[in-house]
């Protein structure tokens, strides 16, 4: 579809694009719109142990799907060591943005660390889309399963990542996010005219 460009960062972002047909960020003219970012890996697919621990309790059938997917992948062309073929039934309760440490894939029960990691993932997502990170963010929506536990930490991260401006913010309390182990998820929009010009020039050069 013309009029915008989509981005999915390497690892979990690309995996989610293939398995669940959504992008981590979309550039629409001068704006970058991001999918919700939680405490997940923005650079690598979760480790198998962390992935199974998080997902099987929600969907027991997934284990059989995973084994079938891995079996089928051995019949196809070799993949890189960092790739895991997405299970065929992963559209049910997909672990799109939540719960894993950036490198180990393990789930942390520390809510402050979860909020911090979500902010870092937003930064990585925006930069992967050609933006400059939180400095360009003008609108934020946060979703939390415990507003009291996350409210102050979110504000602390605003002051850390956006010391020179204050974005529009909608804070939403929810009963549940994508996984029971997720406590916070963040959506942002950023204004990036310089990146838009660079993206346009690159497209025209092709």
Protein backbone atom coordinates (compact mmCIF):
# COMPACT_ATOMS: atom_id res chain seq x y z
CA UNK A 1 0.00 0.00 0.00
CA UNK A 2 1.43 3.38 -0.97
CA UNK A 3 1.67 6.45 1.23
CA UNK A 4 3.57 4.98 4.16
CA UNK A 5 6.55 2.79 4.99
CA UNK A 6 6.57 0.02 7.58
CA UNK A 7 9.42 -1.07 9.88
CA UNK A 8 10.03 -4.19 11.97
CA UNK A 9 13.26 -4.29 13.95
CA UNK A 10 15.43 -7.44 13.76
CA UNK A 11 14.59 -10.34 16.02
CA UNK A 12 11.19 -10.24 17.66
CA UNK A 13 9.94 -7.39 15.49
CA UNK A 14 10.62 -9.24 12.24
CA UNK A 15 9.32 -12.47 13.75
CA UNK A 16 6.05 -10.78 14.74
CA UNK A 17 5.71 -9.31 11.25
CA UNK A 18 5.89 -12.75 9.69
CA UNK A 19 3.86 -14.61 12.31
CA UNK A 20 1.15 -12.03 13.06
CA UNK A 21 1.20 -9.63 10.12
CA UNK A 22 1.83 -6.36 11.93
CA UNK A 23 4.69 -3.85 11.95
CA UNK A 24 6.50 -2.27 14.88
CA UNK A 25 6.46 1.21 13.32
CA UNK A 26 4.89 3.02 10.37
CA UNK A 27 6.15 6.24 8.84
CA UNK A 28 3.32 8.44 7.52
CA UNK A 29 4.79 11.57 5.95
CA UNK A 30 6.49 13.40 8.85
CA UNK A 31 5.17 11.11 11.57
CA UNK A 32 6.31 7.80 13.02
CA UNK A 33 3.55 5.76 14.67
CA UNK A 34 4.70 2.87 16.87
CA UNK A 35 2.99 -0.32 17.94
CA UNK A 36 2.76 -0.87 21.67
CA UNK A 37 6.13 -1.67 23.27
CA UNK A 38 6.44 -3.66 26.46
CA UNK A 39 9.30 -5.33 28.30
CA UNK A 40 10.37 -7.47 25.39
CA UNK A 41 13.49 -7.93 23.35
CA UNK A 42 13.90 -5.22 20.75
CA UNK A 43 16.96 -6.96 19.33
CA UNK A 44 16.47 -10.70 19.57
CA UNK A 45 13.81 -13.37 19.58
CA UNK A 46 13.13 -14.56 23.15
CA UNK A 47 15.03 -17.61 24.32
CA UNK A 48 13.08 -20.82 23.91
CA UNK A 49 12.90 -21.41 27.67
CA UNK A 50 11.57 -17.94 28.40
CA UNK A 51 9.19 -18.11 25.47
CA UNK A 52 7.71 -21.45 26.57
CA UNK A 53 7.43 -20.36 30.20
CA UNK A 54 5.47 -17.29 29.16
CA UNK A 55 3.27 -18.71 26.47
CA UNK A 56 2.34 -22.33 27.17
CA UNK A 57 0.25 -21.49 30.30
CA UNK A 58 -1.95 -19.34 28.06
CA UNK A 59 -2.21 -21.79 25.19
CA UNK A 60 -1.24 -25.44 25.88
CA UNK A 61 -1.84 -26.35 22.22
CA UNK A 62 1.08 -24.09 21.34
CA UNK A 63 3.68 -26.69 22.37
CA UNK A 64 2.48 -29.11 19.72
CA UNK A 65 2.38 -26.32 17.15
CA UNK A 66 5.94 -25.31 18.02
CA UNK A 67 7.24 -28.85 17.67
CA UNK A 68 5.48 -29.23 14.34
CA UNK A 69 6.87 -25.90 13.15
CA UNK A 70 10.42 -26.84 14.12
CA UNK A 71 10.04 -30.21 12.42
CA UNK A 72 8.79 -28.58 9.23
CA UNK A 73 11.60 -26.01 9.29
CA UNK A 74 14.20 -28.78 9.08
CA UNK A 75 12.74 -29.76 5.70
CA UNK A 76 13.15 -26.27 4.30
CA UNK A 77 16.19 -24.18 3.41
CA UNK A 78 18.61 -23.54 6.29
CA UNK A 79 17.93 -20.47 8.42
CA UNK A 80 20.35 -18.35 10.40
CA UNK A 81 21.10 -19.38 13.96
CA UNK A 82 19.13 -16.42 15.31
CA UNK A 83 15.89 -17.29 13.52
CA UNK A 84 13.08 -19.44 14.87
CA UNK A 85 10.32 -20.42 12.47
CA UNK A 86 7.04 -18.97 13.83
CA UNK A 87 4.52 -21.60 14.96
CA UNK A 88 1.57 -22.05 12.62
CA UNK A 89 -1.06 -21.23 15.25
CA UNK A 90 0.71 -18.26 16.78
CA UNK A 91 -2.19 -15.96 15.92
CA UNK A 92 -3.88 -17.16 19.11
CA UNK A 93 -2.80 -15.06 22.11
CA UNK A 94 0.47 -13.95 20.41
CA UNK A 95 3.36 -12.83 22.66
CA UNK A 96 3.90 -9.67 20.63
CA UNK A 97 5.41 -7.20 23.03
CA UNK A 98 5.71 -8.52 26.46
CA UNK A 99 7.48 -9.93 29.40
CA UNK A 100 11.00 -10.80 28.28
CA UNK A 101 14.40 -9.47 29.19
CA UNK A 102 16.21 -8.02 26.16
CA UNK A 103 18.97 -10.66 26.11
CA UNK A 104 17.88 -13.69 28.15
CA UNK A 105 14.20 -13.81 27.28
CA UNK A 106 13.35 -14.40 30.95
CA UNK A 107 10.38 -12.65 32.54
CA UNK A 108 11.05 -10.17 35.35
CA UNK A 109 8.65 -9.50 38.21
CA UNK A 110 10.25 -6.07 38.81
CA UNK A 111 7.70 -3.54 37.54
CA UNK A 112 10.18 -0.64 37.61
CA UNK A 113 12.55 -2.62 35.38
CA UNK A 114 9.65 -3.47 33.08
CA UNK A 115 8.73 0.20 32.66
CA UNK A 116 12.38 1.13 32.04
CA UNK A 117 12.77 -1.59 29.41
CA UNK A 118 9.56 -0.54 27.65
CA UNK A 119 10.93 2.99 27.31
CA UNK A 120 14.22 1.64 25.95
CA UNK A 121 12.31 -0.45 23.41
CA UNK A 122 10.39 2.60 22.22
CA UNK A 123 13.72 4.38 21.71
CA UNK A 124 15.12 1.44 19.73
CA UNK A 125 11.94 1.13 17.67
CA UNK A 126 11.93 4.81 16.68
CA UNK A 127 15.60 4.79 15.75
CA UNK A 128 15.17 1.66 13.66
CA UNK A 129 12.48 3.56 11.72
CA UNK A 130 14.98 6.34 11.02
CA UNK A 131 13.90 8.69 13.80
CA UNK A 132 15.86 10.23 16.66
CA UNK A 133 14.07 8.52 19.51
CA UNK A 134 12.13 10.00 22.40
CA UNK A 135 13.27 13.55 21.63
CA UNK A 136 10.76 13.57 18.74
CA UNK A 137 7.81 12.04 20.59
CA UNK A 138 4.76 14.29 20.94
CA UNK A 139 2.04 11.81 21.97
CA UNK A 140 2.14 8.89 24.41
CA UNK A 141 -0.48 6.36 25.48
CA UNK A 142 0.46 4.03 28.34
CA UNK A 143 -1.48 0.93 29.34
CA UNK A 144 -0.94 -0.48 32.82
CA UNK A 145 -2.45 -3.28 34.86
CA UNK A 146 -1.48 -1.42 38.05
CA UNK A 147 -1.56 2.37 37.71
CA UNK A 148 -0.28 2.99 41.22
CA UNK A 149 2.76 0.77 40.64
CA UNK A 150 3.76 2.26 37.28
CA UNK A 151 2.66 5.92 37.42
CA UNK A 152 5.69 7.46 39.14
CA UNK A 153 8.18 5.33 37.19
CA UNK A 154 6.64 6.43 33.90
CA UNK A 155 7.03 10.08 34.92
CA UNK A 156 10.66 9.44 35.92
CA UNK A 157 11.31 7.99 32.48
CA UNK A 158 9.64 10.98 30.81
CA UNK A 159 12.10 13.24 32.61
CA UNK A 160 15.00 10.98 31.64
CA UNK A 161 14.14 10.55 27.95
CA UNK A 162 12.45 13.91 27.26
CA UNK A 163 14.13 16.50 29.50
CA UNK A 164 13.46 19.34 27.06
CA UNK A 165 9.77 18.83 26.29
CA UNK A 166 6.57 17.33 27.65
CA UNK A 167 4.39 15.20 25.33
CA UNK A 168 0.64 14.73 25.38
CA UNK A 169 -0.08 11.70 27.58
CA UNK A 170 -3.09 9.43 28.02
CA UNK A 171 -2.71 7.00 30.92
CA UNK A 172 -5.00 3.96 30.71
CA UNK A 173 -5.62 1.28 33.32
CA UNK A 174 -6.45 -2.18 31.96
CA UNK A 175 -7.27 -5.57 33.45
CA UNK A 176 -4.84 -7.47 31.24
CA UNK A 177 -2.30 -7.00 28.46
CA UNK A 178 -1.02 -9.44 25.83
CA UNK A 179 0.39 -11.80 28.47
CA UNK A 180 -0.52 -12.21 32.13
CA UNK A 181 3.12 -11.41 32.96
CA UNK A 182 2.96 -8.01 31.24
CA UNK A 183 2.19 -4.96 33.38
CA UNK A 184 2.83 -2.04 31.04
CA UNK A 185 2.73 -1.25 27.32
CA UNK A 186 3.54 2.04 25.58
CA UNK A 187 2.34 3.52 22.28
CA UNK A 188 3.90 6.68 20.86
CA UNK A 189 3.78 9.01 17.89
CA UNK A 190 6.82 11.05 16.87
CA UNK A 191 7.39 13.96 14.50
CA UNK A 192 10.41 13.41 12.26
CA UNK A 193 10.54 15.73 9.22
CA UNK A 194 14.27 15.17 8.67
CA UNK A 195 13.85 11.41 8.59
CA UNK A 196 10.87 11.74 6.27
CA UNK A 197 12.97 13.74 3.81
CA UNK A 198 15.76 11.16 3.97
CA UNK A 199 13.33 8.29 3.45
CA UNK A 200 11.79 10.06 0.45
CA UNK A 201 15.20 10.71 -1.09
CA UNK A 202 16.20 7.07 -0.61
CA UNK A 203 12.98 5.87 -2.23
CA UNK A 204 13.45 8.18 -5.21
CA UNK A 205 17.02 7.01 -5.66
CA UNK A 206 15.93 3.41 -6.21
